[in-house]
Amino acid sequence: FGIDLALGSVIDREASPYEHLFLPIYVYEQMK
């Protein structure tokens, strides 16, 4: 709830495949 309150509309755009790599689990999957 706090994150949705604090973060703005700029994070509601679709992330590019490369931008998904800000999450460690996506880096892990991408290395495969």
Full PDB file with SEQRES, HELIX, SHEET, SSBOND, CRYST1, ORIGX, SCALE, CONECT and MASTER records, all heavy atoms in Angstrom:
SEQRES   1 A   32  PHE GLY ILE ASP LEU ALA LEU GLY SER VAL ILE ASP ARG          
SEQRES   2 A   32  GLU ALA SER PRO TYR GLU HIS LEU PHE LEU PRO ILE TYR          
SEQRES   3 A   32  VAL TYR GLU GLN MET LYS                                      
HELIX    1 AA1 GLY A    2  ALA A    6  1                                   5    
HELIX    2 AA2 SER A    9  ASP A   12  5                                   4    
HELIX    3 AA3 TYR A   18  PHE A   22  5                                   5    
HELIX    4 AA4 PRO A   24  MET A   31  1                                   8    
CRYST1    1.000    1.000    1.000  90.00  90.00  90.00 P 1           1          
ORIGX1      1.000000  0.000000  0.000000        0.00000                         
ORIGX2      0.000000  1.000000  0.000000        0.00000                         
ORIGX3      0.000000  0.000000  1.000000        0.00000                         
SCALE1      1.000000  0.000000  0.000000        0.00000                         
SCALE2      0.000000  1.000000  0.000000        0.00000                         
SCALE3      0.000000  0.000000  1.000000        0.00000                         
ATOM      1  N   PHE A   1       0.838  -1.202   0.000  1.00  0.00           N  
ATOM      2  CA  PHE A   1       0.000   0.000   0.000  1.00  0.00           C  
ATOM      3  C   PHE A   1       0.872   1.252   0.000  1.00  0.00           C  
ATOM      4  O   PHE A   1       0.608   2.215  -0.724  1.00  0.00           O  
ATOM      5  CB  PHE A   1      -0.921  -0.009   1.222  1.00  0.00           C  
ATOM      6  CG  PHE A   1      -1.887   1.145   1.257  1.00  0.00           C  
ATOM      7  CD1 PHE A   1      -2.957   1.204   0.384  1.00  0.00           C  
ATOM      8  CD2 PHE A   1      -1.716   2.182   2.173  1.00  0.00           C  
ATOM      9  CE1 PHE A   1      -3.854   2.274   0.409  1.00  0.00           C  
ATOM     10  CE2 PHE A   1      -2.603   3.247   2.222  1.00  0.00           C  
ATOM     11  CZ  PHE A   1      -3.669   3.291   1.331  1.00  0.00           C  
ATOM     12  N   GLY A   2       1.943   1.226   0.807  1.00  0.00           N  
ATOM     13  CA  GLY A   2       2.832   2.375   0.873  1.00  0.00           C  
ATOM     14  C   GLY A   2       3.580   2.619  -0.417  1.00  0.00           C  
ATOM     15  O   GLY A   2       3.760   3.769  -0.843  1.00  0.00           O  
ATOM     16  N   ILE A   3       4.019   1.538  -1.074  1.00  0.00           N  
ATOM     17  CA  ILE A   3       4.724   1.673  -2.354  1.00  0.00           C  
ATOM     18  C   ILE A   3       3.797   2.255  -3.407  1.00  0.00           C  
ATOM     19  O   ILE A   3       4.178   3.154  -4.169  1.00  0.00           O  
ATOM     20  CB  ILE A   3       5.296   0.310  -2.793  1.00  0.00           C  
ATOM     21  CG1 ILE A   3       6.532  -0.033  -1.964  1.00  0.00           C  
ATOM     22  CG2 ILE A   3       5.643   0.317  -4.281  1.00  0.00           C  
ATOM     23  CD1 ILE A   3       7.097  -1.402  -2.239  1.00  0.00           C  
ATOM     24  N   ASP A   4       2.562   1.776  -3.458  1.00  0.00           N  
ATOM     25  CA  ASP A   4       1.608   2.311  -4.435  1.00  0.00           C  
ATOM     26  C   ASP A   4       1.260   3.763  -4.140  1.00  0.00           C  
ATOM     27  O   ASP A   4       0.920   4.527  -5.045  1.00  0.00           O  
ATOM     28  CB  ASP A   4       0.331   1.464  -4.446  1.00  0.00           C  
ATOM     29  CG  ASP A   4       0.466   0.227  -5.326  1.00  0.00           C  
ATOM     30  OD1 ASP A   4       1.225   0.290  -6.305  1.00  0.00           O  
ATOM     31  OD2 ASP A   4      -0.174  -0.796  -5.034  1.00  0.00           O  
ATOM     32  N   LEU A   5       1.337   4.153  -2.875  1.00  0.00           N  
ATOM     33  CA  LEU A   5       1.079   5.547  -2.507  1.00  0.00           C  
ATOM     34  C   LEU A   5       2.250   6.437  -2.907  1.00  0.00           C  
ATOM     35  O   LEU A   5       2.050   7.558  -3.381  1.00  0.00           O  
ATOM     36  CB  LEU A   5       0.837   5.651  -0.992  1.00  0.00           C  
ATOM     37  CG  LEU A   5       0.579   7.062  -0.437  1.00  0.00           C  
ATOM     38  CD1 LEU A   5      -0.727   7.621  -0.996  1.00  0.00           C  
ATOM     39  CD2 LEU A   5       0.535   7.040   1.089  1.00  0.00           C  
ATOM     40  N   ALA A   6       3.474   5.935  -2.743  1.00  0.00           N  
ATOM     41  CA  ALA A   6       4.658   6.771  -2.945  1.00  0.00           C  
ATOM     42  C   ALA A   6       5.131   6.840  -4.393  1.00  0.00           C  
ATOM     43  O   ALA A   6       5.718   7.843  -4.800  1.00  0.00           O  
ATOM     44  CB  ALA A   6       5.803   6.248  -2.065  1.00  0.00           C  
ATOM     45  N   LEU A   7       4.880   5.782  -5.180  1.00  0.00           N  
ATOM     46  CA  LEU A   7       5.412   5.735  -6.540  1.00  0.00           C  
ATOM     47  C   LEU A   7       4.388   6.246  -7.550  1.00  0.00           C  
ATOM     48  O   LEU A   7       3.199   5.943  -7.450  1.00  0.00           O  
ATOM     49  CB  LEU A   7       5.841   4.309  -6.888  1.00  0.00           C  
ATOM     50  CG  LEU A   7       6.887   3.693  -5.953  1.00  0.00           C  
ATOM     51  CD1 LEU A   7       7.362   2.355  -6.493  1.00  0.00           C  
ATOM     52  CD2 LEU A   7       8.062   4.625  -5.739  1.00  0.00           C  
ATOM     53  N   GLY A   8       4.873   6.992  -8.522  1.00  0.00           N  
ATOM     54  CA  GLY A   8       3.975   7.677  -9.445  1.00  0.00           C  
ATOM     55  C   GLY A   8       3.661   6.920 -10.721  1.00  0.00           C  
ATOM     56  O   GLY A   8       4.006   5.742 -10.889  1.00  0.00           O  
ATOM     57  N   SER A   9       3.029   7.633 -11.641  1.00  0.00           N  
ATOM     58  CA  SER A   9       2.561   7.022 -12.883  1.00  0.00           C  
ATOM     59  C   SER A   9       3.701   6.612 -13.799  1.00  0.00           C  
ATOM     60  O   SER A   9       3.494   5.835 -14.735  1.00  0.00           O  
ATOM     61  CB  SER A   9       1.637   7.997 -13.621  1.00  0.00           C  
ATOM     62  OG  SER A   9       2.324   9.191 -13.953  1.00  0.00           O  
ATOM     63  N   VAL A  10       4.913   7.109 -13.534  1.00  0.00           N  
ATOM     64  CA  VAL A  10       6.048   6.772 -14.397  1.00  0.00           C  
ATOM     65  C   VAL A  10       6.367   5.279 -14.361  1.00  0.00           C  
ATOM     66  O   VAL A  10       6.996   4.758 -15.299  1.00  0.00           O  
ATOM     67  CB  VAL A  10       7.305   7.577 -13.992  1.00  0.00           C  
ATOM     68  CG1 VAL A  10       7.110   9.047 -14.262  1.00  0.00           C  
ATOM     69  CG2 VAL A  10       7.658   7.338 -12.524  1.00  0.00           C  
ATOM     70  N   ILE A  11       5.952   4.569 -13.315  1.00  0.00           N  
ATOM     71  CA  ILE A  11       6.248   3.130 -13.246  1.00  0.00           C  
ATOM     72  C   ILE A  11       5.123   2.286 -13.851  1.00  0.00           C  
ATOM     73  O   ILE A  11       5.168   1.060 -13.780  1.00  0.00           O  
ATOM     74  CB  ILE A  11       6.535   2.673 -11.804  1.00  0.00           C  
ATOM     75  CG1 ILE A  11       5.269   2.691 -10.952  1.00  0.00           C  
ATOM     76  CG2 ILE A  11       7.624   3.499 -11.172  1.00  0.00           C  
ATOM     77  CD1 ILE A  11       5.429   1.961  -9.633  1.00  0.00           C  
ATOM     78  N   ASP A  12       4.136   2.937 -14.447  1.00  0.00           N  
ATOM     79  CA  ASP A  12       3.046   2.193 -15.069  1.00  0.00           C  
ATOM     80  C   ASP A  12       3.241   2.011 -16.568  1.00  0.00           C  
ATOM     81  O   ASP A  12       2.327   1.589 -17.270  1.00  0.00           O  
ATOM     82  CB  ASP A  12       1.705   2.881 -14.784  1.00  0.00           C  
ATOM     83  CG  ASP A  12       1.255   2.680 -13.356  1.00  0.00           C  
ATOM     84  OD1 ASP A  12       1.120   1.520 -12.934  1.00  0.00           O  
ATOM     85  OD2 ASP A  12       1.066   3.677 -12.635  1.00  0.00           O  
ATOM     86  N   ARG A  13       4.430   2.310 -17.050  1.00  0.00           N  
ATOM     87  CA  ARG A  13       4.739   1.983 -18.448  1.00  0.00           C  
ATOM     88  C   ARG A  13       5.339   0.576 -18.504  1.00  0.00           C  
ATOM     89  O   ARG A  13       5.901   0.077 -17.522  1.00  0.00           O  
ATOM     90  CB  ARG A  13       5.699   2.995 -19.053  1.00  0.00           C  
ATOM     91  CG  ARG A  13       7.126   2.924 -18.553  1.00  0.00           C  
ATOM     92  CD  ARG A  13       8.025   3.795 -19.419  1.00  0.00           C  
ATOM     93  NE  ARG A  13       9.404   3.860 -18.937  1.00  0.00           N  
ATOM     94  CZ  ARG A  13      10.332   2.961 -19.225  1.00  0.00           C  
ATOM     95  NH1 ARG A  13      10.029   1.902 -19.968  1.00  0.00           N  
ATOM     96  NH2 ARG A  13      11.564   3.103 -18.773  1.00  0.00           N  
ATOM     97  N   GLU A  14       5.198  -0.049 -19.660  1.00  0.00           N  
ATOM     98  CA  GLU A  14       5.738  -1.394 -19.838  1.00  0.00           C  
ATOM     99  C   GLU A  14       7.257  -1.350 -19.836  1.00  0.00           C  
ATOM    100  O   GLU A  14       7.872  -0.548 -20.532  1.00  0.00           O  
ATOM    101  CB  GLU A  14       5.237  -1.977 -21.155  1.00  0.00           C  
ATOM    102  CG  GLU A  14       5.616  -3.421 -21.379  1.00  0.00           C  
ATOM    103  CD  GLU A  14       5.062  -3.954 -22.691  1.00  0.00           C  
ATOM    104  OE1 GLU A  14       3.904  -4.418 -22.709  1.00  0.00           O  
ATOM    105  OE2 GLU A  14       5.786  -3.876 -23.711  1.00  0.00           O  
ATOM    106  N   ALA A  15       7.867  -2.190 -19.035  1.00  0.00           N  
ATOM    107  CA  ALA A  15       9.329  -2.272 -18.985  1.00  0.00           C  
ATOM    108  C   ALA A  15       9.832  -3.056 -20.190  1.00  0.00           C  
ATOM    109  O   ALA A  15       9.220  -4.048 -20.598  1.00  0.00           O  
ATOM    110  CB  ALA A  15       9.775  -2.943 -17.694  1.00  0.00           C  
ATOM    111  N   SER A  16      10.935  -2.609 -20.761  1.00  0.00           N  
ATOM    112  CA  SER A  16      11.548  -3.364 -21.850  1.00  0.00           C  
ATOM    113  C   SER A  16      12.121  -4.666 -21.282  1.00  0.00           C  
ATOM    114  O   SER A  16      12.314  -4.792 -20.067  1.00  0.00           O  
ATOM    115  CB  SER A  16      12.670  -2.541 -22.490  1.00  0.00           C  
ATOM    116  OG  SER A  16      13.761  -2.416 -21.583  1.00  0.00           O  
ATOM    117  N   PRO A  17      12.398  -5.664 -22.137  1.00  0.00           N  
ATOM    118  CA  PRO A  17      12.989  -6.907 -21.622  1.00  0.00           C  
ATOM    119  C   PRO A  17      14.246  -6.658 -20.792  1.00  0.00           C  
ATOM    120  O   PRO A  17      14.445  -7.276 -19.749  1.00  0.00           O  
ATOM    121  CB  PRO A  17      13.285  -7.707 -22.893  1.00  0.00           C  
ATOM    122  CG  PRO A  17      12.259  -7.244 -23.871  1.00  0.00           C  
ATOM    123  CD  PRO A  17      12.088  -5.778 -23.585  1.00  0.00           C  
ATOM    124  N   TYR A  18      15.091  -5.737 -21.262  1.00  0.00           N  
ATOM    125  CA  TYR A  18      16.316  -5.437 -20.513  1.00  0.00           C  
ATOM    126  C   TYR A  18      15.989  -4.794 -19.166  1.00  0.00           C  
ATOM    127  O   TYR A  18      16.660  -5.066 -18.151  1.00  0.00           O  
ATOM    128  CB  TYR A  18      17.215  -4.516 -21.322  1.00  0.00           C  
ATOM    129  CG  TYR A  18      18.589  -4.302 -20.718  1.00  0.00           C  
ATOM    130  CD1 TYR A  18      19.618  -5.219 -20.922  1.00  0.00           C  
ATOM    131  CD2 TYR A  18      18.859  -3.182 -19.935  1.00  0.00           C  
ATOM    132  CE1 TYR A  18      20.875  -5.033 -20.365  1.00  0.00           C  
ATOM    133  CE2 TYR A  18      20.111  -2.986 -19.371  1.00  0.00           C  
ATOM    134  CZ  TYR A  18      21.110  -3.916 -19.586  1.00  0.00           C  
ATOM    135  OH  TYR A  18      22.348  -3.722 -19.025  1.00  0.00           O  
ATOM    136  N   GLU A  19      14.966  -3.941 -19.134  1.00  0.00           N  
ATOM    137  CA  GLU A  19      14.600  -3.258 -17.884  1.00  0.00           C  
ATOM    138  C   GLU A  19      14.005  -4.209 -16.853  1.00  0.00           C  
ATOM    139  O   GLU A  19      13.985  -3.879 -15.663  1.00  0.00           O  
ATOM    140  CB  GLU A  19      13.633  -2.107 -18.178  1.00  0.00           C  
ATOM    141  CG  GLU A  19      14.292  -0.927 -18.867  1.00  0.00           C  
ATOM    142  CD  GLU A  19      13.299   0.123 -19.320  1.00  0.00           C  
ATOM    143  OE1 GLU A  19      12.121  -0.219 -19.588  1.00  0.00           O  
ATOM    144  OE2 GLU A  19      13.695   1.298 -19.423  1.00  0.00           O  
ATOM    145  N   HIS A  20      13.531  -5.385 -17.292  1.00  0.00           N  
ATOM    146  CA  HIS A  20      13.064  -6.389 -16.324  1.00  0.00           C  
ATOM    147  C   HIS A  20      14.198  -6.829 -15.408  1.00  0.00           C  
ATOM    148  O   HIS A  20      13.943  -7.382 -14.326  1.00  0.00           O  
ATOM    149  CB  HIS A  20      12.506  -7.620 -17.062  1.00  0.00           C  
ATOM    150  CG  HIS A  20      11.104  -7.449 -17.578  1.00  0.00           C  
ATOM    151  ND1 HIS A  20      10.754  -6.478 -18.472  1.00  0.00           N  
ATOM    152  CD2 HIS A  20       9.961  -8.141 -17.302  1.00  0.00           C  
ATOM    153  CE1 HIS A  20       9.468  -6.570 -18.757  1.00  0.00           C  
ATOM    154  NE2 HIS A  20       8.954  -7.565 -18.052  1.00  0.00           N  
ATOM    155  N   LEU A  21      15.425  -6.576 -15.810  1.00  0.00           N  
ATOM    156  CA  LEU A  21      16.580  -7.067 -15.060  1.00  0.00           C  
ATOM    157  C   LEU A  21      16.873  -6.237 -13.812  1.00  0.00           C  
ATOM    158  O   LEU A  21      17.886  -6.451 -13.158  1.00  0.00           O  
ATOM    159  CB  LEU A  21      17.813  -7.106 -15.959  1.00  0.00           C  
ATOM    160  CG  LEU A  21      17.700  -7.966 -17.220  1.00  0.00           C  
ATOM    161  CD1 LEU A  21      19.009  -7.987 -17.984  1.00  0.00           C  
ATOM    162  CD2 LEU A  21      17.264  -9.389 -16.886  1.00  0.00           C  
ATOM    163  N   PHE A  22      15.978  -5.317 -13.445  1.00  0.00           N  
ATOM    164  CA  PHE A  22      16.165  -4.635 -12.162  1.00  0.00           C  
ATOM    165  C   PHE A  22      15.780  -5.542 -11.002  1.00  0.00           C  
ATOM    166  O   PHE A  22      16.099  -5.247  -9.844  1.00  0.00           O  
ATOM    167  CB  PHE A  22      15.379  -3.307 -12.120  1.00  0.00           C  
ATOM    168  CG  PHE A  22      13.924  -3.440 -11.745  1.00  0.00           C  
ATOM    169  CD1 PHE A  22      13.529  -3.298 -10.427  1.00  0.00           C  
ATOM    170  CD2 PHE A  22      12.957  -3.674 -12.703  1.00  0.00           C  
ATOM    171  CE1 PHE A  22      12.186  -3.391 -10.062  1.00  0.00           C  
ATOM    172  CE2 PHE A  22      11.619  -3.780 -12.359  1.00  0.00           C  
ATOM    173  CZ  PHE A  22      11.228  -3.639 -11.030  1.00  0.00           C  
ATOM    174  N   LEU A  23      15.127  -6.672 -11.307  1.00  0.00           N  
ATOM    175  CA  LEU A  23      14.806  -7.656 -10.275  1.00  0.00           C  
ATOM    176  C   LEU A  23      15.789  -8.818 -10.357  1.00  0.00           C  
ATOM    177  O   LEU A  23      15.985  -9.393 -11.434  1.00  0.00           O  
ATOM    178  CB  LEU A  23      13.376  -8.177 -10.448  1.00  0.00           C  
ATOM    179  CG  LEU A  23      12.243  -7.205 -10.123  1.00  0.00           C  
ATOM    180  CD1 LEU A  23      10.895  -7.859 -10.393  1.00  0.00           C  
ATOM    181  CD2 LEU A  23      12.310  -6.737  -8.672  1.00  0.00           C  
ATOM    182  N   PRO A  24      16.406  -9.189  -9.245  1.00  0.00           N  
ATOM    183  CA  PRO A  24      17.396 -10.281  -9.256  1.00  0.00           C  
ATOM    184  C   PRO A  24      16.882 -11.589  -9.858  1.00  0.00           C  
ATOM    185  O   PRO A  24      17.625 -12.279 -10.550  1.00  0.00           O  
ATOM    186  CB  PRO A  24      17.743 -10.443  -7.773  1.00  0.00           C  
ATOM    187  CG  PRO A  24      17.545  -9.077  -7.201  1.00  0.00           C  
ATOM    188  CD  PRO A  24      16.351  -8.527  -7.920  1.00  0.00           C  
ATOM    189  N   ILE A  25      15.618 -11.920  -9.620  1.00  0.00           N  
ATOM    190  CA  ILE A  25      15.097 -13.191 -10.135  1.00  0.00           C  
ATOM    191  C   ILE A  25      15.065 -13.174 -11.660  1.00  0.00           C  
ATOM    192  O   ILE A  25      15.238 -14.223 -12.310  1.00  0.00           O  
ATOM    193  CB  ILE A  25      13.696 -13.499  -9.553  1.00  0.00           C  
ATOM    194  CG1 ILE A  25      13.304 -14.941  -9.852  1.00  0.00           C  
ATOM    195  CG2 ILE A  25      12.674 -12.511 -10.046  1.00  0.00           C  
ATOM    196  CD1 ILE A  25      14.191 -15.980  -9.229  1.00  0.00           C  
ATOM    197  N   TYR A  26      14.889 -12.009 -12.266  1.00  0.00           N  
ATOM    198  CA  TYR A  26      14.898 -11.911 -13.727  1.00  0.00           C  
ATOM    199  C   TYR A  26      16.324 -11.998 -14.268  1.00  0.00           C  
ATOM    200  O   TYR A  26      16.546 -12.523 -15.369  1.00  0.00           O  
ATOM    201  CB  TYR A  26      14.214 -10.620 -14.186  1.00  0.00           C  
ATOM    202  CG  TYR A  26      12.716 -10.774 -14.338  1.00  0.00           C  
ATOM    203  CD1 TYR A  26      11.866 -10.605 -13.247  1.00  0.00           C  
ATOM    204  CD2 TYR A  26      12.151 -11.123 -15.561  1.00  0.00           C  
ATOM    205  CE1 TYR A  26      10.491 -10.770 -13.370  1.00  0.00           C  
ATOM    206  CE2 TYR A  26      10.779 -11.284 -15.702  1.00  0.00           C  
ATOM    207  CZ  TYR A  26       9.954 -11.108 -14.607  1.00  0.00           C  
ATOM    208  OH  TYR A  26       8.590 -11.275 -14.730  1.00  0.00           O  
ATOM    209  N   VAL A  27      17.297 -11.483 -13.520  1.00  0.00           N  
ATOM    210  CA  VAL A  27      18.695 -11.657 -13.920  1.00  0.00           C  
ATOM    211  C   VAL A  27      19.043 -13.143 -13.891  1.00  0.00           C  
ATOM    212  O   VAL A  27      19.675 -13.677 -14.814  1.00  0.00           O  
ATOM    213  CB  VAL A  27      19.633 -10.868 -12.983  1.00  0.00           C  
ATOM    214  CG1 VAL A  27      21.096 -11.111 -13.361  1.00  0.00           C  
ATOM    215  CG2 VAL A  27      19.328  -9.375 -13.047  1.00  0.00           C  
ATOM    216  N   TYR A  28      18.609 -13.818 -12.836  1.00  0.00           N  
ATOM    217  CA  TYR A  28      18.856 -15.253 -12.688  1.00  0.00           C  
ATOM    218  C   TYR A  28      18.262 -16.029 -13.868  1.00  0.00           C  
ATOM    219  O   TYR A  28      18.936 -16.869 -14.480  1.00  0.00           O  
ATOM    220  CB  TYR A  28      18.237 -15.719 -11.371  1.00  0.00           C  
ATOM    221  CG  TYR A  28      18.095 -17.212 -11.222  1.00  0.00           C  
ATOM    222  CD1 TYR A  28      19.193 -18.014 -10.922  1.00  0.00           C  
ATOM    223  CD2 TYR A  28      16.846 -17.818 -11.367  1.00  0.00           C  
ATOM    224  CE1 TYR A  28      19.059 -19.394 -10.785  1.00  0.00           C  
ATOM    225  CE2 TYR A  28      16.699 -19.185 -11.234  1.00  0.00           C  
ATOM    226  CZ  TYR A  28      17.806 -19.974 -10.946  1.00  0.00           C  
ATOM    227  OH  TYR A  28      17.660 -21.331 -10.815  1.00  0.00           O  
ATOM    228  N   GLU A  29      17.019 -15.754 -14.220  1.00  0.00           N  
ATOM    229  CA  GLU A  29      16.369 -16.460 -15.328  1.00  0.00           C  
ATOM    230  C   GLU A  29      17.003 -16.088 -16.662  1.00  0.00           C  
ATOM    231  O   GLU A  29      17.142 -16.925 -17.551  1.00  0.00           O  
ATOM    232  CB  GLU A  29      14.869 -16.145 -15.342  1.00  0.00           C  
ATOM    233  CG  GLU A  29      14.088 -16.725 -14.164  1.00  0.00           C  
ATOM    234  CD  GLU A  29      14.045 -18.249 -14.172  1.00  0.00           C  
ATOM    235  OE1 GLU A  29      14.271 -18.853 -15.254  1.00  0.00           O  
ATOM    236  OE2 GLU A  29      13.792 -18.838 -13.108  1.00  0.00           O  
ATOM    237  N   GLN A  30      17.379 -14.800 -16.787  1.00  0.00           N  
ATOM    238  CA  GLN A  30      17.950 -14.351 -18.059  1.00  0.00           C  
ATOM    239  C   GLN A  30      19.292 -15.018 -18.341  1.00  0.00           C  
ATOM    240  O   GLN A  30      19.623 -15.324 -19.502  1.00  0.00           O  
ATOM    241  CB  GLN A  30      18.123 -12.831 -18.041  1.00  0.00           C  
ATOM    242  CG  GLN A  30      18.643 -12.248 -19.347  1.00  0.00           C  
ATOM    243  CD  GLN A  30      17.746 -12.582 -20.522  1.00  0.00           C  
ATOM    244  OE1 GLN A  30      16.565 -12.220 -20.527  1.00  0.00           O  
ATOM    245  NE2 GLN A  30      18.263 -13.290 -21.519  1.00  0.00           N  
ATOM    246  N   MET A  31      20.089 -15.278 -17.300  1.00  0.00           N  
ATOM    247  CA  MET A  31      21.392 -15.902 -17.509  1.00  0.00           C  
ATOM    248  C   MET A  31      21.256 -17.305 -18.108  1.00  0.00           C  
ATOM    249  O   MET A  31      22.167 -17.779 -18.798  1.00  0.00           O  
ATOM    250  CB  MET A  31      22.167 -15.957 -16.197  1.00  0.00           C  
ATOM    251  CG  MET A  31      22.592 -14.591 -15.673  1.00  0.00           C  
ATOM    252  SD  MET A  31      23.604 -13.640 -16.829  1.00  0.00           S  
ATOM    253  CE  MET A  31      25.143 -14.540 -16.743  1.00  0.00           C  
ATOM    254  N   LYS A  32      20.137 -17.952 -17.873  1.00  0.00           N  
ATOM    255  CA  LYS A  32      19.897 -19.268 -18.471  1.00  0.00           C  
ATOM    256  C   LYS A  32      19.687 -19.158 -19.972  1.00  0.00           C  
ATOM    257  O   LYS A  32      19.783 -20.158 -20.693  1.00  0.00           O  
ATOM    258  CB  LYS A  32      18.663 -19.925 -17.844  1.00  0.00           C  
ATOM    259  CG  LYS A  32      18.756 -20.184 -16.351  1.00  0.00           C  
ATOM    260  CD  LYS A  32      17.445 -20.787 -15.852  1.00  0.00           C  
ATOM    261  CE  LYS A  32      17.425 -20.988 -14.364  1.00  0.00           C  
ATOM    262  NZ  LYS A  32      16.141 -21.552 -13.883  1.00  0.00           N  
TER     263      LYS A  32                                                      
MASTER        0    0    0    4    0    0    0    6  262    1    0    3          
END                                                                             
